[in-house]
Amino acid sequence: MQRKTALISGAGVAGPALAYWLTAAGWKTTIVERAPAVRDGGYVIDFWGLGYDLAERMGLLDEIQRVSCTARELRVVGDHGQRLASFGVGVFNELTNGRYATLMRSDLSKLLLKAATPATEVIFGDEIEALSDEGDAGVNVRLRNGGARRFDLVIGADGLHSRVRQLAFGPQDRFEKPLGYAVAAFQAAGYRPRDPGVYMIYGKPGRMLGRFALPEDRTLFLLMFSFDGALLTTLAEQKALVRSLYRDGDWETADVLDRLEQTEDLYLDRASQIVAPTWSKGRVALIGDAAFSVSLLAGQGSALAVVAAYVLAGELARCDGRIDEALAAYERRLRAYIEMKQAGAKRFAGALAPRTRLGTWFRNLVVQMLAIPGLARVAVGREIIDRLQLPDYPLRSGASDSGVSRG
């Protein structure tokens, strides 16, 4: 029987994870990615729970630990660098039984893509321009550079601003639910001080500035601020926005803004959730942030994307080619779990950058209380501990023996 084919848009986290598990389900997979190469930079993520368990099944834990930069302390500081509140990340180790890592999202993406290839064709520097769903006959796709092709299934794993979702489901504003904040991130080399292992946070009402030491003498800066405006597209506009919001800051704000001026790689986006009434339409489906972004403030998006990839591929394997049935089962199994994670992320959204002085005081009090043994399980255990039971799908281990060419 001829193998079924899937086109996955996006080579971030969800796309390569899905390619890996679809190959394990016997599918022939292609990834198309708009960027010219695997992305670098970005921001750090916390990786735990079921996503961590699945990464172990994929044989990636040693590599994840090798590139991890897990903090030992979160510290809130005042205008002069004085400690206002802190707690050790041992509370997360307690809640996850030590199965927890902090790493660059781009590093996780690279590891997943490596695991998915060479069994997956990978096309960089291209994107889907048009889709035509022909039902059982498949989906006709026109790529901007690669011409026309046909696949049994097309999956949008292309993030918050998904092109596939726009083409097949409708415009962005139907699904995006902004949380009232934006996040900027960039890296700099040789910044001092470093404070290895300590996630430093400073802020004023409605603004947060974070600093975290990375390997190879690099430092990550994360800025989160209250924002309800339109997205800015040019690097100059984005830098000007950040400068205007942070220019009256103390602590190390002036030094960080100097480093901002030097960077050519700034990530800036709204903190938003995607709420879609359905994650599939005919032979087109969505996964990861394209389907159900919890927002990057939640810190769980990458792990949830890995979980969704396993479930989608597993249901396709279990249903033995009955794609409509598999897509319905994928959504049915995950919908309540994802909605719970989104609700938790909404509660957490204002915790890092409270909009008032009273809110900032209360945030610092909560941070300090998390240092009390056992309290973290009561305060944040519901958000951290995964209670979803994943089926043991008929997926063969490994995804490296199909010999598909790379683009």
Protein backbone atom coordinates (compact mmCIF):
# COMPACT_ATOMS: atom_id res chain seq x y z
CA MET A 1 0.00 0.00 0.00
CA GLN A 2 1.31 3.43 -0.92
CA ARG A 3 2.46 5.49 2.04
CA LYS A 4 0.35 8.53 2.87
CA THR A 5 1.99 11.92 2.54
CA ALA A 6 1.92 14.97 4.80
CA LEU A 7 3.15 18.50 4.26
CA ILE A 8 4.05 20.29 7.50
CA SER A 9 4.43 24.05 7.43
CA GLY A 10 6.96 25.16 10.03
CA ALA A 11 10.31 23.86 11.29
CA GLY A 12 10.03 25.18 14.85
CA VAL A 13 9.11 22.68 17.57
CA ALA A 14 5.71 21.26 16.57
CA GLY A 15 6.67 20.63 12.93
CA PRO A 16 9.79 18.48 13.42
CA ALA A 17 8.20 16.61 16.34
CA LEU A 18 5.20 15.79 14.16
CA ALA A 19 7.42 14.72 11.27
CA TYR A 20 9.26 12.34 13.59
CA TRP A 21 6.11 10.68 14.90
CA LEU A 22 4.33 10.62 11.53
CA THR A 23 7.33 8.80 10.07
CA ALA A 24 7.04 6.36 12.96
CA ALA A 25 3.40 5.92 11.91
CA GLY A 26 4.47 5.01 8.37
CA TRP A 27 3.85 8.36 6.67
CA LYS A 28 6.06 10.15 4.16
CA THR A 29 6.67 13.67 5.47
CA THR A 30 7.81 17.02 4.09
CA ILE A 31 8.55 20.17 6.10
CA VAL A 32 8.46 23.58 4.44
CA GLU A 33 9.95 26.51 6.35
CA ARG A 34 9.85 30.16 5.33
CA ALA A 35 13.18 30.97 6.97
CA PRO A 36 16.33 30.24 4.94
CA ALA A 37 17.80 28.01 7.66
CA VAL A 38 17.18 26.72 11.15
CA ARG A 39 16.51 29.71 13.37
CA ASP A 40 18.89 30.83 16.10
CA GLY A 41 18.38 33.23 18.99
CA GLY A 42 14.93 33.85 20.40
CA TYR A 43 14.20 33.08 24.03
CA VAL A 44 14.57 30.35 26.62
CA ILE A 45 11.81 27.88 27.43
CA ASP A 46 11.10 25.64 30.38
CA PHE A 47 10.61 22.05 29.27
CA TRP A 48 8.97 19.44 31.48
CA GLY A 49 5.97 17.15 31.83
CA LEU A 50 4.65 14.95 29.07
CA GLY A 51 6.72 16.76 26.45
CA TYR A 52 9.85 15.87 28.42
CA ASP A 53 8.70 12.23 28.64
CA LEU A 54 8.20 12.08 24.88
CA ALA A 55 11.61 13.64 24.23
CA GLU A 56 13.02 10.78 26.28
CA ARG A 57 11.21 8.28 24.03
CA MET A 58 12.81 10.05 21.07
CA GLY A 59 16.26 9.58 22.61
CA LEU A 60 16.88 13.31 23.06
CA LEU A 61 17.35 13.72 26.81
CA ASP A 62 21.15 13.58 26.80
CA GLU A 63 21.29 16.25 24.11
CA ILE A 64 18.68 18.39 25.87
CA GLN A 65 20.70 18.27 29.08
CA ARG A 66 23.88 19.10 27.14
CA VAL A 67 22.42 22.35 25.77
CA SER A 68 20.34 23.22 28.82
CA CYS A 69 21.02 26.32 30.89
CA THR A 70 18.73 25.66 33.82
CA ALA A 71 18.71 28.40 36.46
CA ARG A 72 19.11 27.67 40.15
CA GLU A 73 17.42 30.88 41.34
CA LEU A 74 14.89 33.50 40.24
CA ARG A 75 15.74 36.85 41.82
CA VAL A 76 13.76 40.11 41.75
CA VAL A 77 15.95 43.18 42.21
CA GLY A 78 15.29 46.85 42.90
CA ASP A 79 16.58 50.08 41.37
CA HIS A 80 20.07 49.60 42.80
CA GLY A 81 20.30 45.84 42.28
CA GLN A 82 19.24 45.00 45.83
CA ARG A 83 17.46 41.68 46.30
CA LEU A 84 13.70 42.18 46.80
CA ALA A 85 12.55 38.57 46.54
CA SER A 86 13.84 35.23 45.28
CA PHE A 87 13.30 31.52 45.27
CA GLY A 88 15.29 28.51 44.14
CA VAL A 89 14.14 26.51 41.12
CA GLY A 90 14.38 23.43 43.27
CA VAL A 91 10.63 23.85 43.64
CA PHE A 92 10.27 22.91 39.96
CA ASN A 93 12.53 19.90 40.44
CA GLU A 94 10.28 18.89 43.32
CA LEU A 95 7.13 19.22 41.22
CA THR A 96 8.62 17.44 38.20
CA ASN A 97 10.71 14.84 40.04
CA GLY A 98 13.82 16.37 38.51
CA ARG A 99 12.55 15.95 34.95
CA TYR A 100 12.91 19.58 33.98
CA ALA A 101 15.21 21.67 31.79
CA THR A 102 15.59 25.25 30.63
CA LEU A 103 17.02 25.70 27.14
CA MET A 104 16.86 27.92 24.11
CA ARG A 105 13.77 27.22 22.04
CA SER A 106 15.95 27.26 18.94
CA ASP A 107 18.16 24.53 20.44
CA LEU A 108 15.15 22.29 21.04
CA SER A 109 13.99 22.95 17.48
CA LYS A 110 17.38 21.90 16.11
CA LEU A 111 17.40 18.68 18.13
CA LEU A 112 13.88 17.76 16.97
CA LEU A 113 14.71 18.52 13.35
CA LYS A 114 17.82 16.38 13.55
CA ALA A 115 15.73 13.52 14.95
CA ALA A 116 13.20 13.86 12.13
CA THR A 117 15.79 13.79 9.32
CA PRO A 118 16.90 12.23 7.01
CA ALA A 119 13.52 10.52 6.96
CA THR A 120 11.84 13.85 6.25
CA GLU A 121 12.22 16.09 3.21
CA VAL A 122 13.03 19.60 4.48
CA ILE A 123 12.56 22.68 2.30
CA PHE A 124 13.92 25.97 3.62
CA GLY A 125 13.26 29.40 2.17
CA ASP A 126 9.78 28.58 0.89
CA GLU A 127 6.17 28.76 2.05
CA ILE A 128 2.65 27.75 1.10
CA GLU A 129 0.96 30.31 -1.13
CA ALA A 130 -2.32 28.50 -1.81
CA LEU A 131 -4.29 25.42 -0.71
CA SER A 132 -7.09 23.51 -2.40
CA ASP A 133 -8.65 20.68 -0.39
CA GLU A 134 -9.94 17.97 -2.74
CA GLY A 135 -11.21 15.63 -0.03
CA ASP A 136 -10.12 12.02 -0.44
CA ALA A 137 -8.05 13.04 -3.45
CA GLY A 138 -5.77 15.08 -1.17
CA VAL A 139 -4.76 18.71 -0.86
CA ASN A 140 -3.29 20.61 -3.78
CA VAL A 141 -0.59 23.00 -2.59
CA ARG A 142 1.21 25.79 -4.38
CA LEU A 143 4.57 26.71 -2.90
CA ARG A 144 6.00 30.14 -3.58
CA ASN A 145 9.24 28.71 -5.02
CA GLY A 146 8.57 24.99 -5.25
CA GLY A 147 5.54 24.95 -7.52
CA ALA A 148 2.48 22.70 -7.26
CA ARG A 149 2.36 19.50 -5.21
CA ARG A 150 -0.31 17.24 -3.70
CA PHE A 151 -0.43 15.70 -0.22
CA ASP A 152 -2.89 13.52 1.69
CA LEU A 153 -2.73 15.93 4.64
CA VAL A 154 -1.44 19.45 5.25
CA ILE A 155 -0.60 20.59 8.79
CA GLY A 156 0.00 24.13 9.94
CA ALA A 157 2.77 24.09 12.54
CA ASP A 158 3.71 27.65 11.68
CA GLY A 159 3.10 29.45 14.93
CA LEU A 160 1.02 32.28 16.27
CA HIS A 161 0.77 34.00 12.89
CA SER A 162 0.08 30.80 10.95
CA ARG A 163 -0.12 31.12 7.17
CA VAL A 164 -1.92 27.76 6.91
CA ARG A 165 -4.55 28.88 9.42
CA GLN A 166 -5.09 32.09 7.47
CA LEU A 167 -5.49 30.22 4.15
CA ALA A 168 -7.75 27.43 5.39
CA PHE A 169 -9.57 28.81 8.44
CA GLY A 170 -9.71 32.60 8.16
CA PRO A 171 -7.94 35.81 9.20
CA GLN A 172 -5.76 36.14 12.29
CA ASP A 173 -8.12 38.37 14.26
CA ARG A 174 -10.73 35.59 14.38
CA PHE A 175 -8.49 33.46 16.54
CA GLU A 176 -5.91 35.63 18.28
CA LYS A 177 -6.74 36.74 21.84
CA PRO A 178 -4.11 39.27 22.98
CA LEU A 179 -3.26 39.20 26.68
CA GLY A 180 -2.34 42.89 26.82
CA TYR A 181 1.43 42.41 26.80
CA ALA A 182 4.28 42.17 24.32
CA VAL A 183 7.62 40.40 24.72
CA ALA A 184 11.01 41.31 23.27
CA ALA A 185 14.14 39.16 23.46
CA PHE A 186 17.71 39.44 22.24
CA GLN A 187 21.21 38.23 23.10
CA ALA A 188 24.54 39.97 23.61
CA ALA A 189 28.11 38.71 23.98
CA GLY A 190 30.43 39.68 26.80
CA TYR A 191 27.87 41.49 28.95
CA ARG A 192 28.77 42.11 32.58
CA PRO A 193 27.72 41.26 35.23
CA ARG A 194 26.66 37.68 34.43
CA ASP A 195 25.37 36.07 37.65
CA PRO A 196 25.47 32.51 36.22
CA GLY A 197 22.49 30.39 37.15
CA VAL A 198 20.41 33.34 38.36
CA TYR A 199 17.43 34.66 36.42
CA MET A 200 17.47 38.37 37.31
CA ILE A 201 14.22 40.35 37.08
CA TYR A 202 13.78 44.09 37.42
CA GLY A 203 10.74 46.17 36.65
CA LYS A 204 8.45 49.10 37.06
CA PRO A 205 4.64 48.93 36.76
CA GLY A 206 3.74 47.41 33.41
CA ARG A 207 7.35 46.66 32.48
CA MET A 208 9.76 43.83 33.23
CA LEU A 209 13.42 43.43 32.28
CA GLY A 210 15.03 40.04 32.72
CA ARG A 211 18.66 38.96 32.33
CA PHE A 212 19.98 35.41 32.17
CA ALA A 213 23.50 34.11 31.47
CA LEU A 214 23.82 31.67 28.58
CA PRO A 215 26.75 29.42 27.61
CA GLU A 216 29.68 30.81 25.58
CA ASP A 217 29.64 34.16 27.43
CA ARG A 218 26.31 35.21 25.97
CA THR A 219 23.48 36.87 27.87
CA LEU A 220 19.78 36.70 27.10
CA PHE A 221 17.65 39.78 27.75
CA LEU A 222 13.88 39.37 28.02
CA LEU A 223 11.62 42.42 28.15
CA MET A 224 7.90 42.16 28.82
CA PHE A 225 5.64 45.18 28.81
CA SER A 226 2.01 46.22 28.77
CA PHE A 227 1.03 46.70 25.13
CA ASP A 228 -2.22 46.97 23.19
CA GLY A 229 -0.93 48.45 19.93
CA ALA A 230 -0.37 47.13 16.43
CA LEU A 231 2.63 44.97 15.64
CA LEU A 232 5.70 46.87 14.45
CA THR A 233 7.50 45.40 11.47
CA THR A 234 10.88 47.10 11.12
CA LEU A 235 13.80 46.61 13.47
CA ALA A 236 14.19 50.37 13.89
CA GLU A 237 10.54 50.76 14.91
CA GLN A 238 10.80 47.89 17.39
CA LYS A 239 13.95 49.30 19.00
CA ALA A 240 12.36 52.74 19.23
CA LEU A 241 9.33 51.29 21.01
CA VAL A 242 11.44 49.47 23.59
CA ARG A 243 13.61 52.55 24.19
CA SER A 244 10.57 54.76 24.72
CA LEU A 245 9.13 52.38 27.32
CA TYR A 246 12.31 51.67 29.26
CA ARG A 247 14.32 54.91 29.09
CA ASP A 248 13.40 55.93 32.66
CA GLY A 249 14.46 52.60 34.15
CA ASP A 250 17.18 52.17 36.78
CA TRP A 251 19.30 49.12 37.66
CA GLU A 252 21.06 48.06 34.41
CA THR A 253 18.43 49.44 32.04
CA ALA A 254 20.72 51.96 30.33
CA ASP A 255 23.37 49.29 29.66
CA VAL A 256 20.76 46.88 28.29
CA LEU A 257 19.37 49.56 25.96
CA ASP A 258 22.92 50.19 24.71
CA ARG A 259 23.18 46.49 23.85
CA LEU A 260 19.76 46.64 22.21
CA GLU A 261 21.11 49.25 19.79
CA GLN A 262 23.87 46.86 18.72
CA THR A 263 21.70 43.82 17.99
CA GLU A 264 20.43 42.85 14.55
CA ASP A 265 18.40 39.92 15.88
CA LEU A 266 15.51 41.16 18.02
CA TYR A 267 12.44 39.02 18.69
CA LEU A 268 9.32 41.08 19.43
CA ASP A 269 5.71 39.93 19.39
CA ARG A 270 2.42 40.24 21.23
CA ALA A 271 1.73 37.81 24.03
CA SER A 272 -1.43 36.18 22.71
CA GLN A 273 -3.41 33.00 22.78
CA ILE A 274 -4.97 31.27 19.80
CA VAL A 275 -8.49 30.01 20.42
CA ALA A 276 -9.91 28.12 17.46
CA PRO A 277 -13.30 26.38 17.45
CA THR A 278 -11.75 23.48 15.57
CA TRP A 279 -8.19 22.36 14.85
CA SER A 280 -8.96 20.75 11.50
CA LYS A 281 -10.93 21.44 8.37
CA GLY A 282 -11.13 18.64 5.85
CA ARG A 283 -7.60 17.50 5.10
CA VAL A 284 -5.95 20.56 6.70
CA ALA A 285 -5.06 20.54 10.40
CA LEU A 286 -3.33 22.81 12.92
CA ILE A 287 -0.91 21.96 15.69
CA GLY A 288 1.10 23.79 18.34
CA ASP A 289 0.81 27.57 18.54
CA ALA A 290 -1.02 27.64 15.21
CA ALA A 291 -3.88 25.71 16.84
CA PHE A 292 -3.82 26.64 20.52
CA SER A 293 -1.05 29.03 21.55
CA VAL A 294 -1.10 29.33 25.33
CA SER A 295 1.21 32.38 24.97
CA LEU A 296 4.94 32.39 25.59
CA LEU A 297 4.25 33.77 29.08
CA ALA A 298 3.07 30.32 30.13
CA GLY A 299 6.42 28.65 29.46
CA GLN A 300 4.77 25.42 28.28
CA GLY A 301 4.12 25.96 24.58
CA SER A 302 6.99 23.82 23.33
CA ALA A 303 6.16 20.87 25.59
CA LEU A 304 2.51 21.06 24.55
CA ALA A 305 3.53 21.12 20.88
CA VAL A 306 5.52 17.89 21.36
CA VAL A 307 2.54 16.28 23.10
CA ALA A 308 0.15 17.33 20.33
CA ALA A 309 2.54 15.98 17.67
CA TYR A 310 2.57 12.58 19.34
CA VAL A 311 -1.20 12.46 19.73
CA LEU A 312 -1.93 13.59 16.16
CA ALA A 313 0.48 11.06 14.67
CA GLY A 314 -0.74 8.38 17.07
CA GLU A 315 -4.39 8.86 16.15
CA LEU A 316 -3.52 8.75 12.46
CA ALA A 317 -1.72 5.45 13.09
CA ARG A 318 -4.55 4.06 15.21
CA CYS A 319 -7.19 4.97 12.65
CA ASP A 320 -5.22 3.31 9.85
CA GLY A 321 -5.74 5.92 7.15
CA ARG A 322 -9.16 7.20 8.21
CA ILE A 323 -7.96 10.80 8.34
CA ASP A 324 -11.25 12.48 9.29
CA GLU A 325 -11.71 10.09 12.21
CA ALA A 326 -8.12 10.59 13.36
CA LEU A 327 -8.31 14.39 13.28
CA ALA A 328 -11.51 14.36 15.33
CA ALA A 329 -9.93 12.00 17.87
CA TYR A 330 -6.80 14.16 18.12
CA GLU A 331 -8.85 17.20 19.05
CA ARG A 332 -11.20 15.30 21.33
CA ARG A 333 -8.30 13.87 23.33
CA LEU A 334 -6.47 17.17 23.82
CA ARG A 335 -9.07 19.96 23.83
CA ALA A 336 -9.90 20.01 27.56
CA TYR A 337 -6.23 19.63 28.52
CA ILE A 338 -5.21 22.57 26.32
CA GLU A 339 -8.07 24.75 27.57
CA MET A 340 -6.91 24.12 31.14
CA LYS A 341 -3.36 25.19 30.20
CA GLN A 342 -4.69 28.33 28.49
CA ALA A 343 -6.72 29.26 31.56
CA GLY A 344 -3.63 28.88 33.74
CA ALA A 345 -1.60 31.05 31.36
CA LYS A 346 -4.19 33.83 31.59
CA ARG A 347 -3.87 33.81 35.36
CA PHE A 348 -0.10 33.99 35.06
CA ALA A 349 0.03 36.67 32.33
CA GLY A 350 0.30 39.67 34.61
CA ALA A 351 2.52 38.09 37.22
CA LEU A 352 5.85 38.98 35.62
CA ALA A 353 4.98 42.60 34.81
CA PRO A 354 2.17 43.79 37.11
CA ARG A 355 0.62 47.05 35.95
CA THR A 356 0.52 48.74 39.38
CA ARG A 357 2.88 49.28 42.30
CA LEU A 358 0.54 47.27 44.51
CA GLY A 359 0.60 44.45 41.98
CA THR A 360 4.40 44.56 41.90
CA TRP A 361 4.54 44.36 45.70
CA PHE A 362 2.17 41.40 45.71
CA ARG A 363 4.19 39.65 42.95
CA ASN A 364 7.35 40.01 45.04
CA LEU A 365 5.54 38.62 48.07
CA VAL A 366 4.40 35.57 46.10
CA VAL A 367 7.93 35.00 44.76
CA GLN A 368 9.29 35.09 48.30
CA MET A 369 6.59 32.72 49.54
CA LEU A 370 7.47 30.18 46.85
CA ALA A 371 10.73 29.65 48.71
CA ILE A 372 8.77 28.08 51.58
CA PRO A 373 9.02 24.27 51.32
CA GLY A 374 5.83 22.64 50.08
CA LEU A 375 4.05 25.89 49.26
CA ALA A 376 4.96 25.74 45.57
CA ARG A 377 2.99 22.50 45.18
CA VAL A 378 -0.10 24.24 46.51
CA ALA A 379 0.42 27.52 44.63
CA VAL A 380 1.50 26.35 41.18
CA GLY A 381 1.30 22.56 41.23
CA ARG A 382 -1.90 22.54 39.18
CA GLU A 383 -0.15 24.46 36.38
CA ILE A 384 3.05 22.38 36.46
CA ILE A 385 1.94 18.78 36.92
CA ASP A 386 0.50 17.07 33.83
CA ARG A 387 -2.38 14.74 34.59
CA LEU A 388 -3.23 13.74 31.03
CA GLN A 389 -2.71 10.06 30.27
CA LEU A 390 -1.24 9.47 26.81
CA PRO A 391 -2.16 6.29 24.92
CA ASP A 392 0.52 3.87 23.80
CA TYR A 393 -0.05 4.25 20.06
CA PRO A 394 1.11 1.75 17.40
CA LEU A 395 4.21 3.77 16.50
CA ARG A 396 7.53 2.10 15.82
CA SER A 397 10.50 3.70 17.56
CA GLY A 398 12.87 5.85 15.55
CA ALA A 399 12.25 7.80 12.39
CA SER A 400 15.50 7.48 10.49
CA ASP A 401 14.99 4.57 8.12
CA SER A 402 12.75 5.96 5.41
CA GLY A 403 15.40 7.59 3.23
CA VAL A 404 13.52 10.66 2.07
CA SER A 405 15.62 13.39 0.46
CA ARG A 406 16.25 16.74 2.13
CA GLY A 407 15.44 20.00 0.45
